[in-house]
């Protein structure tokens, strides 16, 4: 089943940066947050290809 809010599977299934419930303005992402997101995305893409799956299907299968 495809996620309606993320049909291309671009977003990671977990947040690596500060988030907000809407009550407060979220803290802007730092360089470390951007680096962590890029690294997580790259590693999940590599693992998915090694498994013969696209990244979205690989992450859903976990």
C-alpha atoms as a PDB file:
ATOM      1  CA  UNK A   1       0.000   0.000   0.000  1.00  0.00           C
ATOM      2  CA  UNK A   2       1.385   3.369  -1.029  1.00  0.00           C
ATOM      3  CA  UNK A   3       1.430   6.258   1.396  1.00  0.00           C
ATOM      4  CA  UNK A   4      -0.888   8.966   0.070  1.00  0.00           C
ATOM      5  CA  UNK A   5       1.210  11.747   1.625  1.00  0.00           C
ATOM      6  CA  UNK A   6       4.485  10.363   0.238  1.00  0.00           C
ATOM      7  CA  UNK A   7       3.712   8.557  -3.036  1.00  0.00           C
ATOM      8  CA  UNK A   8       7.286   8.695  -4.344  1.00  0.00           C
ATOM      9  CA  UNK A   9       8.789   7.452  -1.092  1.00  0.00           C
ATOM     10  CA  UNK A  10      11.083  10.457  -0.806  1.00  0.00           C
ATOM     11  CA  UNK A  11      10.631  11.195   2.895  1.00  0.00           C
ATOM     12  CA  UNK A  12      12.106   8.961   5.577  1.00  0.00           C
ATOM     13  CA  UNK A  13       9.596   7.272   7.908  1.00  0.00           C
ATOM     14  CA  UNK A  14      11.114   8.924  10.969  1.00  0.00           C
ATOM     15  CA  UNK A  15      11.918  12.507  11.817  1.00  0.00           C
ATOM     16  CA  UNK A  16      15.590  13.319  12.395  1.00  0.00           C
ATOM     17  CA  UNK A  17      15.037  16.967  13.160  1.00  0.00           C
ATOM     18  CA  UNK A  18      13.104  19.020  15.694  1.00  0.00           C
ATOM     19  CA  UNK A  19       9.372  18.896  15.054  1.00  0.00           C
ATOM     20  CA  UNK A  20       6.411  20.816  16.385  1.00  0.00           C
ATOM     21  CA  UNK A  21       2.848  19.931  17.231  1.00  0.00           C
ATOM     22  CA  UNK A  22       1.860  23.380  15.991  1.00  0.00           C
ATOM     23  CA  UNK A  23       1.849  24.987  19.420  1.00  0.00           C
ATOM     24  CA  UNK A  24       5.364  26.398  19.005  1.00  0.00           C
ATOM     25  CA  UNK A  25       7.447  27.370  16.023  1.00  0.00           C
ATOM     26  CA  UNK A  26       9.859  24.486  15.265  1.00  0.00           C
ATOM     27  CA  UNK A  27      13.581  25.041  15.665  1.00  0.00           C
ATOM     28  CA  UNK A  28      15.272  25.493  12.262  1.00  0.00           C
ATOM     29  CA  UNK A  29      17.281  22.537  11.016  1.00  0.00           C
ATOM     30  CA  UNK A  30      20.982  22.690  11.705  1.00  0.00           C
ATOM     31  CA  UNK A  31      23.757  21.452   9.434  1.00  0.00           C
ATOM     32  CA  UNK A  32      23.918  18.307  11.576  1.00  0.00           C
ATOM     33  CA  UNK A  33      20.233  17.594  10.919  1.00  0.00           C
ATOM     34  CA  UNK A  34      20.700  18.030   7.179  1.00  0.00           C
ATOM     35  CA  UNK A  35      23.768  15.778   7.236  1.00  0.00           C
ATOM     36  CA  UNK A  36      21.980  13.096   9.261  1.00  0.00           C
ATOM     37  CA  UNK A  37      19.032  13.127   6.855  1.00  0.00           C
ATOM     38  CA  UNK A  38      21.291  12.861   3.791  1.00  0.00           C
ATOM     39  CA  UNK A  39      23.281  10.003   5.340  1.00  0.00           C
ATOM     40  CA  UNK A  40      20.177   8.084   6.418  1.00  0.00           C
ATOM     41  CA  UNK A  41      18.640   8.499   2.987  1.00  0.00           C
ATOM     42  CA  UNK A  42      21.829   7.364   1.222  1.00  0.00           C
ATOM     43  CA  UNK A  43      22.257   4.315   3.456  1.00  0.00           C
ATOM     44  CA  UNK A  44      18.631   3.200   3.118  1.00  0.00           C
ATOM     45  CA  UNK A  45      18.846   3.614  -0.661  1.00  0.00           C
ATOM     46  CA  UNK A  46      22.003   1.487  -0.786  1.00  0.00           C
ATOM     47  CA  UNK A  47      20.496  -1.207   1.452  1.00  0.00           C
ATOM     48  CA  UNK A  48      17.306  -1.270  -0.595  1.00  0.00           C
ATOM     49  CA  UNK A  49      19.161  -1.703  -3.885  1.00  0.00           C
ATOM     50  CA  UNK A  50      21.240  -4.464  -2.331  1.00  0.00           C
ATOM     51  CA  UNK A  51      17.963  -6.189  -1.437  1.00  0.00           C
ATOM     52  CA  UNK A  52      16.599  -5.746  -4.949  1.00  0.00           C
ATOM     53  CA  UNK A  53      13.866  -3.339  -3.827  1.00  0.00           C
ATOM     54  CA  UNK A  54      13.194   0.340  -4.215  1.00  0.00           C
ATOM     55  CA  UNK A  55      13.787   2.418  -1.096  1.00  0.00           C
ATOM     56  CA  UNK A  56      10.108   2.999  -0.355  1.00  0.00           C
ATOM     57  CA  UNK A  57       9.249  -0.715  -0.422  1.00  0.00           C
ATOM     58  CA  UNK A  58      12.368  -1.541   1.591  1.00  0.00           C
ATOM     59  CA  UNK A  59      11.449   0.909   4.360  1.00  0.00           C
ATOM     60  CA  UNK A  60       7.830  -0.253   4.457  1.00  0.00           C
ATOM     61  CA  UNK A  61       9.001  -3.864   4.745  1.00  0.00           C
ATOM     62  CA  UNK A  62      10.975  -3.058   7.878  1.00  0.00           C
END
